[in-house]
Structure formats: structure tokens, C-alpha cells
């Protein structure tokens, strides 16, 4: 059963006027209060950080198949064209 009004906690933040101004402007663009914007941004950052550290466990046979595919990339015109495209990190 879900609690309709979960308990809330208070966080005090210190930031420069420039940072607060930036947050206020961004929050206003999204139709949020500064507090709502900060909580949303912090939640997204926390989810991203946890997702970056997530380990996926797969059966050995699936992992072996995955490695086999990586070791033997397709050899066709589409793949060759893809490999010639300039990579964003090489620009």
C-alpha cells in the first residue's frame, strides 16, 4: 500500500548568487519552484550515477555469444560505411 503523503526531509543548501540565479532561471523555464527543480535535478543525477554502476548478470552462454559477436563484426557495405564516419570524439 502506497503512502499518499510520504514523509519529507529538509535540506539546506549554500551556493553563490550566480548559481542561485541560474537555478531560478532554469526552474522558471520549466514552470517549477527552485526547490522542485533542485530535487528533480538531484534525483536524475542520482539515478544516472546508480545506472552507471549497475552490473548486469547474464548466463555464461549469453556472455560468450556477445563476445563472439564483438570479435567478428559484420563485413558488409553498411558496416564499412559506418566505420568510416567521423566519430564525435574525433571532431
PDB file of N, CA and C in Angstrom:
ATOM      1  N   UNK A   1       0.845  -1.185   0.000  1.00  0.00           N
ATOM      2  CA  UNK A   1       0.000   0.000   0.000  1.00  0.00           C
ATOM      3  C   UNK A   1       0.886   1.243   0.000  1.00  0.00           C
ATOM      4  N   UNK A   2       0.619   2.163  -0.878  1.00  0.00           N
ATOM      5  CA  UNK A   2       1.414   3.374  -1.037  1.00  0.00           C
ATOM      6  C   UNK A   2       0.951   4.446  -0.064  1.00  0.00           C
ATOM      7  N   UNK A   3       1.899   5.164   0.492  1.00  0.00           N
ATOM      8  CA  UNK A   3       1.580   6.267   1.394  1.00  0.00           C
ATOM      9  C   UNK A   3       1.326   7.502   0.540  1.00  0.00           C
ATOM     10  N   UNK A   4       0.133   8.070   0.636  1.00  0.00           N
ATOM     11  CA  UNK A   4      -0.235   9.226  -0.188  1.00  0.00           C
ATOM     12  C   UNK A   4       0.628  10.442   0.122  1.00  0.00           C
ATOM     13  N   UNK A   5       1.025  10.601   1.360  1.00  0.00           N
ATOM     14  CA  UNK A   5       1.859  11.729   1.776  1.00  0.00           C
ATOM     15  C   UNK A   5       3.110  11.204   2.472  1.00  0.00           C
ATOM     16  N   UNK A   6       4.120  10.805   1.699  1.00  0.00           N
ATOM     17  CA  UNK A   6       5.329  10.277   2.331  1.00  0.00           C
ATOM     18  C   UNK A   6       6.021  11.359   3.145  1.00  0.00           C
ATOM     19  N   UNK A   7       6.759  10.965   4.180  1.00  0.00           N
ATOM     20  CA  UNK A   7       7.462  11.963   4.984  1.00  0.00           C
ATOM     21  C   UNK A   7       8.487  12.710   4.137  1.00  0.00           C
ATOM     22  N   UNK A   8       8.628  13.978   4.387  1.00  0.00           N
ATOM     23  CA  UNK A   8       9.572  14.817   3.638  1.00  0.00           C
ATOM     24  C   UNK A   8      10.723  15.210   4.557  1.00  0.00           C
ATOM     25  N   UNK A   9      11.883  15.421   3.958  1.00  0.00           N
ATOM     26  CA  UNK A   9      13.055  15.881   4.698  1.00  0.00           C
ATOM     27  C   UNK A   9      13.486  17.223   4.137  1.00  0.00           C
ATOM     28  N   UNK A  10      14.094  18.015   4.969  1.00  0.00           N
ATOM     29  CA  UNK A  10      14.555  19.341   4.580  1.00  0.00           C
ATOM     30  C   UNK A  10      16.065  19.311   4.372  1.00  0.00           C
ATOM     31  N   UNK A  11      16.501  19.997   3.328  1.00  0.00           N
ATOM     32  CA  UNK A  11      17.927  20.126   3.041  1.00  0.00           C
ATOM     33  C   UNK A  11      18.237  21.606   2.896  1.00  0.00           C
ATOM     34  N   UNK A  12      19.294  22.042   3.557  1.00  0.00           N
ATOM     35  CA  UNK A  12      19.737  23.433   3.402  1.00  0.00           C
ATOM     36  C   UNK A  12      20.918  23.439   2.452  1.00  0.00           C
ATOM     37  N   UNK A  13      20.910  24.384   1.532  1.00  0.00           N
ATOM     38  CA  UNK A  13      21.977  24.461   0.542  1.00  0.00           C
ATOM     39  C   UNK A  13      22.635  25.828   0.563  1.00  0.00           C
ATOM     40  N   UNK A  14      23.937  25.825   0.382  1.00  0.00           N
ATOM     41  CA  UNK A  14      24.675  27.075   0.224  1.00  0.00           C
ATOM     42  C   UNK A  14      25.230  27.095  -1.186  1.00  0.00           C
ATOM     43  N   UNK A  15      25.008  28.191  -1.879  1.00  0.00           N
ATOM     44  CA  UNK A  15      25.533  28.354  -3.234  1.00  0.00           C
ATOM     45  C   UNK A  15      25.697  29.845  -3.500  1.00  0.00           C
ATOM     46  N   UNK A  16      26.536  30.156  -4.454  1.00  0.00           N
ATOM     47  CA  UNK A  16      26.764  31.563  -4.798  1.00  0.00           C
ATOM     48  C   UNK A  16      25.508  32.155  -5.431  1.00  0.00           C
ATOM     49  N   UNK A  17      25.450  33.469  -5.449  1.00  0.00           N
ATOM     50  CA  UNK A  17      24.313  34.148  -6.082  1.00  0.00           C
ATOM     51  C   UNK A  17      24.197  33.774  -7.555  1.00  0.00           C
ATOM     52  N   UNK A  18      25.345  33.590  -8.215  1.00  0.00           N
ATOM     53  CA  UNK A  18      25.322  33.202  -9.629  1.00  0.00           C
ATOM     54  C   UNK A  18      24.648  31.843  -9.823  1.00  0.00           C
ATOM     55  N   UNK A  19      24.961  30.908  -8.945  1.00  0.00           N
ATOM     56  CA  UNK A  19      24.366  29.573  -9.048  1.00  0.00           C
ATOM     57  C   UNK A  19      22.871  29.644  -8.779  1.00  0.00           C
ATOM     58  N   UNK A  20      22.471  30.387  -7.743  1.00  0.00           N
ATOM     59  CA  UNK A  20      21.041  30.514  -7.440  1.00  0.00           C
ATOM     60  C   UNK A  20      20.296  31.184  -8.588  1.00  0.00           C
ATOM     61  N   UNK A  21      20.924  32.178  -9.190  1.00  0.00           N
ATOM     62  CA  UNK A  21      20.295  32.859 -10.320  1.00  0.00           C
ATOM     63  C   UNK A  21      20.083  31.888 -11.481  1.00  0.00           C
ATOM     64  N   UNK A  22      21.088  31.080 -11.746  1.00  0.00           N
ATOM     65  CA  UNK A  22      20.995  30.079 -12.803  1.00  0.00           C
ATOM     66  C   UNK A  22      19.870  29.080 -12.511  1.00  0.00           C
ATOM     67  N   UNK A  23      19.821  28.593 -11.284  1.00  0.00           N
ATOM     68  CA  UNK A  23      18.774  27.642 -10.880  1.00  0.00           C
ATOM     69  C   UNK A  23      17.400  28.282 -10.994  1.00  0.00           C
ATOM     70  N   UNK A  24      17.274  29.504 -10.508  1.00  0.00           N
ATOM     71  CA  UNK A  24      15.982  30.201 -10.569  1.00  0.00           C
ATOM     72  C   UNK A  24      15.506  30.365 -12.012  1.00  0.00           C
ATOM     73  N   UNK A  25      16.420  30.751 -12.905  1.00  0.00           N
ATOM     74  CA  UNK A  25      16.045  30.934 -14.314  1.00  0.00           C
ATOM     75  C   UNK A  25      15.608  29.618 -14.950  1.00  0.00           C
ATOM     76  N   UNK A  26      16.366  28.565 -14.691  1.00  0.00           N
ATOM     77  CA  UNK A  26      16.029  27.256 -15.262  1.00  0.00           C
ATOM     78  C   UNK A  26      14.712  26.736 -14.698  1.00  0.00           C
ATOM     79  N   UNK A  27      14.504  26.909 -13.410  1.00  0.00           N
ATOM     80  CA  UNK A  27      13.255  26.458 -12.783  1.00  0.00           C
ATOM     81  C   UNK A  27      12.064  27.190 -13.377  1.00  0.00           C
ATOM     82  N   UNK A  28      12.226  28.490 -13.562  1.00  0.00           N
ATOM     83  CA  UNK A  28      11.133  29.286 -14.126  1.00  0.00           C
ATOM     84  C   UNK A  28      10.778  28.799 -15.532  1.00  0.00           C
ATOM     85  N   UNK A  29      11.803  28.468 -16.334  1.00  0.00           N
ATOM     86  CA  UNK A  29      11.558  27.960 -17.687  1.00  0.00           C
ATOM     87  C   UNK A  29      10.747  26.669 -17.674  1.00  0.00           C
ATOM     88  N   UNK A  30      10.938  25.873 -16.642  1.00  0.00           N
ATOM     89  CA  UNK A  30      10.221  24.596 -16.529  1.00  0.00           C
ATOM     90  C   UNK A  30       8.922  24.718 -15.737  1.00  0.00           C
ATOM     91  N   UNK A  31       8.615  25.917 -15.282  1.00  0.00           N
ATOM     92  CA  UNK A  31       7.393  26.100 -14.507  1.00  0.00           C
ATOM     93  C   UNK A  31       7.471  25.461 -13.132  1.00  0.00           C
ATOM     94  N   UNK A  32       8.666  25.454 -12.554  1.00  0.00           N
ATOM     95  CA  UNK A  32       8.880  24.846 -11.248  1.00  0.00           C
ATOM     96  C   UNK A  32       9.409  25.877 -10.269  1.00  0.00           C
ATOM     97  N   UNK A  33       9.294  25.538  -9.004  1.00  0.00           N
ATOM     98  CA  UNK A  33       9.981  26.335  -7.994  1.00  0.00           C
ATOM     99  C   UNK A  33      11.450  25.916  -8.022  1.00  0.00           C
ATOM    100  N   UNK A  34      12.290  26.717  -7.398  1.00  0.00           N
ATOM    101  CA  UNK A  34      13.712  26.358  -7.330  1.00  0.00           C
ATOM    102  C   UNK A  34      13.890  25.034  -6.595  1.00  0.00           C
ATOM    103  N   UNK A  35      13.124  24.841  -5.528  1.00  0.00           N
ATOM    104  CA  UNK A  35      13.224  23.597  -4.756  1.00  0.00           C
ATOM    105  C   UNK A  35      12.825  22.395  -5.610  1.00  0.00           C
ATOM    106  N   UNK A  36      11.738  22.515  -6.364  1.00  0.00           N
ATOM    107  CA  UNK A  36      11.306  21.413  -7.231  1.00  0.00           C
ATOM    108  C   UNK A  36      12.370  21.103  -8.281  1.00  0.00           C
ATOM    109  N   UNK A  37      12.934  22.163  -8.850  1.00  0.00           N
ATOM    110  CA  UNK A  37      13.962  21.989  -9.871  1.00  0.00           C
ATOM    111  C   UNK A  37      15.185  21.275  -9.291  1.00  0.00           C
ATOM    112  N   UNK A  38      15.618  21.697  -8.114  1.00  0.00           N
ATOM    113  CA  UNK A  38      16.796  21.104  -7.476  1.00  0.00           C
ATOM    114  C   UNK A  38      16.548  19.638  -7.154  1.00  0.00           C
ATOM    115  N   UNK A  39      15.376  19.329  -6.610  1.00  0.00           N
ATOM    116  CA  UNK A  39      15.062  17.937  -6.274  1.00  0.00           C
ATOM    117  C   UNK A  39      15.018  17.082  -7.540  1.00  0.00           C
ATOM    118  N   UNK A  40      14.377  17.583  -8.599  1.00  0.00           N
ATOM    119  CA  UNK A  40      14.324  16.833  -9.861  1.00  0.00           C
ATOM    120  C   UNK A  40      15.728  16.593 -10.415  1.00  0.00           C
ATOM    121  N   UNK A  41      16.554  17.640 -10.408  1.00  0.00           N
ATOM    122  CA  UNK A  41      17.914  17.518 -10.942  1.00  0.00           C
ATOM    123  C   UNK A  41      18.743  16.547 -10.099  1.00  0.00           C
ATOM    124  N   UNK A  42      18.599  16.621  -8.785  1.00  0.00           N
ATOM    125  CA  UNK A  42      19.342  15.722  -7.902  1.00  0.00           C
ATOM    126  C   UNK A  42      18.887  14.280  -8.093  1.00  0.00           C
ATOM    127  N   UNK A  43      17.588  14.086  -8.249  1.00  0.00           N
ATOM    128  CA  UNK A  43      17.072  12.732  -8.464  1.00  0.00           C
ATOM    129  C   UNK A  43      17.605  12.154  -9.773  1.00  0.00           C
ATOM    130  N   UNK A  44      17.583  12.955 -10.852  1.00  0.00           N
ATOM    131  CA  UNK A  44      18.108  12.483 -12.136  1.00  0.00           C
ATOM    132  C   UNK A  44      19.592  12.145 -12.027  1.00  0.00           C
ATOM    133  N   UNK A  45      20.348  12.998 -11.340  1.00  0.00           N
ATOM    134  CA  UNK A  45      21.785  12.752 -11.187  1.00  0.00           C
ATOM    135  C   UNK A  45      22.033  11.484 -10.374  1.00  0.00           C
ATOM    136  N   UNK A  46      21.232  11.264  -9.336  1.00  0.00           N
ATOM    137  CA  UNK A  46      21.377  10.056  -8.522  1.00  0.00           C
ATOM    138  C   UNK A  46      21.049   8.807  -9.334  1.00  0.00           C
ATOM    139  N   UNK A  47      19.974   8.862 -10.106  1.00  0.00           N
ATOM    140  CA  UNK A  47      19.598   7.720 -10.948  1.00  0.00           C
ATOM    141  C   UNK A  47      20.679   7.428 -11.980  1.00  0.00           C
ATOM    142  N   UNK A  48      21.240   8.478 -12.587  1.00  0.00           N
ATOM    143  CA  UNK A  48      22.310   8.300 -13.573  1.00  0.00           C
ATOM    144  C   UNK A  48      23.547   7.674 -12.933  1.00  0.00           C
ATOM    145  N   UNK A  49      23.913   8.159 -11.741  1.00  0.00           N
ATOM    146  CA  UNK A  49      25.090   7.633 -11.050  1.00  0.00           C
ATOM    147  C   UNK A  49      24.909   6.157 -10.724  1.00  0.00           C
ATOM    148  N   UNK A  50      23.716   5.795 -10.263  1.00  0.00           N
ATOM    149  CA  UNK A  50      23.459   4.393  -9.944  1.00  0.00           C
ATOM    150  C   UNK A  50      23.409   3.534 -11.201  1.00  0.00           C
ATOM    151  N   UNK A  51      22.846   4.066 -12.267  1.00  0.00           N
ATOM    152  CA  UNK A  51      22.778   3.311 -13.522  1.00  0.00           C
ATOM    153  C   UNK A  51      24.175   3.063 -14.081  1.00  0.00           C
ATOM    154  N   UNK A  52      25.078   4.026 -13.902  1.00  0.00           N
ATOM    155  CA  UNK A  52      26.448   3.865 -14.385  1.00  0.00           C
ATOM    156  C   UNK A  52      27.170   2.735 -13.666  1.00  0.00           C
ATOM    157  N   UNK A  53      26.733   2.431 -12.454  1.00  0.00           N
ATOM    158  CA  UNK A  53      27.396   1.406 -11.646  1.00  0.00           C
ATOM    159  C   UNK A  53      26.640   0.084 -11.644  1.00  0.00           C
ATOM    160  N   UNK A  54      25.585   0.002 -12.409  1.00  0.00           N
ATOM    161  CA  UNK A  54      24.778  -1.213 -12.419  1.00  0.00           C
ATOM    162  C   UNK A  54      25.502  -2.323 -13.173  1.00  0.00           C
ATOM    163  N   UNK A  55      25.490  -3.475 -12.589  1.00  0.00           N
ATOM    164  CA  UNK A  55      26.106  -4.644 -13.207  1.00  0.00           C
ATOM    165  C   UNK A  55      24.985  -5.563 -13.672  1.00  0.00           C
ATOM    166  N   UNK A  56      25.064  -5.985 -14.898  1.00  0.00           N
ATOM    167  CA  UNK A  56      24.068  -6.916 -15.432  1.00  0.00           C
ATOM    168  C   UNK A  56      24.658  -8.323 -15.409  1.00  0.00           C
ATOM    169  N   UNK A  57      23.952  -9.217 -14.778  1.00  0.00           N
ATOM    170  CA  UNK A  57      24.381 -10.611 -14.728  1.00  0.00           C
ATOM    171  C   UNK A  57      23.640 -11.387 -15.810  1.00  0.00           C
ATOM    172  N   UNK A  58      24.395 -12.094 -16.623  1.00  0.00           N
ATOM    173  CA  UNK A  58      23.802 -12.890 -17.702  1.00  0.00           C
ATOM    174  C   UNK A  58      24.408 -14.291 -17.650  1.00  0.00           C
ATOM    175  N   UNK A  59      23.697 -15.259 -18.196  1.00  0.00           N
ATOM    176  CA  UNK A  59      24.266 -16.614 -18.247  1.00  0.00           C
ATOM    177  C   UNK A  59      25.559 -16.616 -19.068  1.00  0.00           C
ATOM    178  N   UNK A  60      26.453 -17.513 -18.733  1.00  0.00           N
ATOM    179  CA  UNK A  60      27.743 -17.592 -19.426  1.00  0.00           C
ATOM    180  C   UNK A  60      27.560 -17.765 -20.926  1.00  0.00           C
ATOM    181  N   UNK A  61      26.558 -18.533 -21.325  1.00  0.00           N
ATOM    182  CA  UNK A  61      26.340 -18.761 -22.762  1.00  0.00           C
ATOM    183  C   UNK A  61      25.979 -17.456 -23.477  1.00  0.00           C
ATOM    184  N   UNK A  62      25.174 -16.617 -22.834  1.00  0.00           N
ATOM    185  CA  UNK A  62      24.812 -15.323 -23.435  1.00  0.00           C
ATOM    186  C   UNK A  62      26.032 -14.421 -23.537  1.00  0.00           C
ATOM    187  N   UNK A  63      26.846 -14.409 -22.489  1.00  0.00           N
ATOM    188  CA  UNK A  63      28.043 -13.580 -22.483  1.00  0.00           C
ATOM    189  C   UNK A  63      29.012 -14.049 -23.571  1.00  0.00           C
ATOM    190  N   UNK A  64      29.190 -15.347 -23.685  1.00  0.00           N
ATOM    191  CA  UNK A  64      30.077 -15.893 -24.718  1.00  0.00           C
ATOM    192  C   UNK A  64      29.583 -15.519 -26.115  1.00  0.00           C
ATOM    193  N   UNK A  65      28.267 -15.585 -26.315  1.00  0.00           N
ATOM    194  CA  UNK A  65      27.680 -15.210 -27.611  1.00  0.00           C
ATOM    195  C   UNK A  65      27.932 -13.722 -27.895  1.00  0.00           C
ATOM    196  N   UNK A  66      27.771 -12.888 -26.885  1.00  0.00           N
ATOM    197  CA  UNK A  66      28.009 -11.443 -27.010  1.00  0.00           C
ATOM    198  C   UNK A  66      29.463 -11.186 -27.413  1.00  0.00           C
ATOM    199  N   UNK A  67      30.401 -11.845 -26.747  1.00  0.00           N
ATOM    200  CA  UNK A  67      31.819 -11.665 -27.080  1.00  0.00           C
ATOM    201  C   UNK A  67      32.121 -12.150 -28.497  1.00  0.00           C
ATOM    202  N   UNK A  68      31.478 -13.227 -28.899  1.00  0.00           N
ATOM    203  CA  UNK A  68      31.670 -13.757 -30.244  1.00  0.00           C
ATOM    204  C   UNK A  68      31.232 -12.742 -31.301  1.00  0.00           C
ATOM    205  N   UNK A  69      30.111 -12.086 -31.049  1.00  0.00           N
ATOM    206  CA  UNK A  69      29.617 -11.067 -31.973  1.00  0.00           C
ATOM    207  C   UNK A  69      30.593  -9.893 -32.041  1.00  0.00           C
ATOM    208  N   UNK A  70      31.112  -9.474 -30.884  1.00  0.00           N
ATOM    209  CA  UNK A  70      32.067  -8.362 -30.866  1.00  0.00           C
ATOM    210  C   UNK A  70      33.369  -8.727 -31.580  1.00  0.00           C
ATOM    211  N   UNK A  71      33.790  -9.967 -31.440  1.00  0.00           N
ATOM    212  CA  UNK A  71      35.043 -10.407 -32.057  1.00  0.00           C
ATOM    213  C   UNK A  71      34.927 -10.598 -33.566  1.00  0.00           C
ATOM    214  N   UNK A  72      33.709 -10.751 -34.071  1.00  0.00           N
ATOM    215  CA  UNK A  72      33.509 -10.969 -35.501  1.00  0.00           C
ATOM    216  C   UNK A  72      32.445 -10.007 -36.023  1.00  0.00           C
ATOM    217  N   UNK A  73      32.801  -8.718 -36.149  1.00  0.00           N
ATOM    218  CA  UNK A  73      31.813  -7.752 -36.634  1.00  0.00           C
ATOM    219  C   UNK A  73      31.404  -8.081 -38.067  1.00  0.00           C
ATOM    220  N   UNK A  74      30.223  -7.643 -38.463  1.00  0.00           N
ATOM    221  CA  UNK A  74      29.767  -7.924 -39.827  1.00  0.00           C
ATOM    222  C   UNK A  74      30.710  -7.283 -40.843  1.00  0.00           C
ATOM    223  N   UNK A  75      30.806  -7.879 -41.991  1.00  0.00           N
ATOM    224  CA  UNK A  75      31.664  -7.346 -43.049  1.00  0.00           C
ATOM    225  C   UNK A  75      30.796  -7.112 -44.284  1.00  0.00           C
ATOM    226  N   UNK A  76      30.108  -5.970 -44.272  1.00  0.00           N
ATOM    227  CA  UNK A  76      29.274  -5.626 -45.424  1.00  0.00           C
ATOM    228  C   UNK A  76      29.406  -4.126 -45.678  1.00  0.00           C
ATOM    229  N   UNK A  77      28.810  -3.650 -46.753  1.00  0.00           N
ATOM    230  CA  UNK A  77      28.954  -2.237 -47.134  1.00  0.00           C
ATOM    231  C   UNK A  77      28.452  -1.297 -46.047  1.00  0.00           C
ATOM    232  N   UNK A  78      27.323  -1.626 -45.439  1.00  0.00           N
ATOM    233  CA  UNK A  78      26.768  -0.768 -44.393  1.00  0.00           C
ATOM    234  C   UNK A  78      27.725  -0.621 -43.226  1.00  0.00           C
ATOM    235  N   UNK A  79      28.318  -1.716 -42.806  1.00  0.00           N
ATOM    236  CA  UNK A  79      29.262  -1.675 -41.689  1.00  0.00           C
ATOM    237  C   UNK A  79      30.507  -0.882 -42.072  1.00  0.00           C
ATOM    238  N   UNK A  80      31.020  -1.091 -43.279  1.00  0.00           N
ATOM    239  CA  UNK A  80      32.214  -0.349 -43.709  1.00  0.00           C
ATOM    240  C   UNK A  80      31.935   1.156 -43.757  1.00  0.00           C
ATOM    241  N   UNK A  81      30.746   1.549 -44.241  1.00  0.00           N
ATOM    242  CA  UNK A  81      30.381   2.979 -44.256  1.00  0.00           C
ATOM    243  C   UNK A  81      30.315   3.520 -42.828  1.00  0.00           C
ATOM    244  N   UNK A  82      29.719   2.751 -41.946  1.00  0.00           N
ATOM    245  CA  UNK A  82      29.610   3.175 -40.552  1.00  0.00           C
ATOM    246  C   UNK A  82      30.985   3.399 -39.934  1.00  0.00           C
ATOM    247  N   UNK A  83      31.921   2.532 -40.224  1.00  0.00           N
ATOM    248  CA  UNK A  83      33.252   2.637 -39.648  1.00  0.00           C
ATOM    249  C   UNK A  83      34.044   3.816 -40.217  1.00  0.00           C
ATOM    250  N   UNK A  84      33.636   4.322 -41.392  1.00  0.00           N
ATOM    251  CA  UNK A  84      34.322   5.476 -41.987  1.00  0.00           C
ATOM    252  C   UNK A  84      33.768   6.809 -41.488  1.00  0.00           C
ATOM    253  N   UNK A  85      32.618   6.797 -40.852  1.00  0.00           N
ATOM    254  CA  UNK A  85      32.010   8.034 -40.357  1.00  0.00           C
ATOM    255  C   UNK A  85      32.890   8.613 -39.251  1.00  0.00           C
ATOM    256  N   UNK A  86      33.062   9.937 -39.284  1.00  0.00           N
ATOM    257  CA  UNK A  86      33.866  10.598 -38.262  1.00  0.00           C
ATOM    258  C   UNK A  86      33.192  10.460 -36.902  1.00  0.00           C
ATOM    259  N   UNK A  87      33.951  10.018 -35.926  1.00  0.00           N
ATOM    260  CA  UNK A  87      33.425   9.821 -34.577  1.00  0.00           C
ATOM    261  C   UNK A  87      33.323  11.166 -33.865  1.00  0.00           C
ATOM    262  N   UNK A  88      32.275  11.374 -33.053  1.00  0.00           N
ATOM    263  CA  UNK A  88      32.106  12.660 -32.355  1.00  0.00           C
ATOM    264  C   UNK A  88      33.314  13.025 -31.495  1.00  0.00           C
ATOM    265  N   UNK A  89      33.970  12.038 -30.916  1.00  0.00           N
ATOM    266  CA  UNK A  89      35.109  12.330 -30.048  1.00  0.00           C
ATOM    267  C   UNK A  89      36.379  12.610 -30.850  1.00  0.00           C
ATOM    268  N   UNK A  90      36.317  12.470 -32.169  1.00  0.00           N
ATOM    269  CA  UNK A  90      37.469  12.762 -33.017  1.00  0.00           C
ATOM    270  C   UNK A  90      37.338  14.107 -33.726  1.00  0.00           C
ATOM    271  N   UNK A  91      36.233  14.787 -33.532  1.00  0.00           N
ATOM    272  CA  UNK A  91      35.995  16.074 -34.211  1.00  0.00           C
ATOM    273  C   UNK A  91      36.920  17.144 -33.678  1.00  0.00           C
TER     274      UNK A  91
END
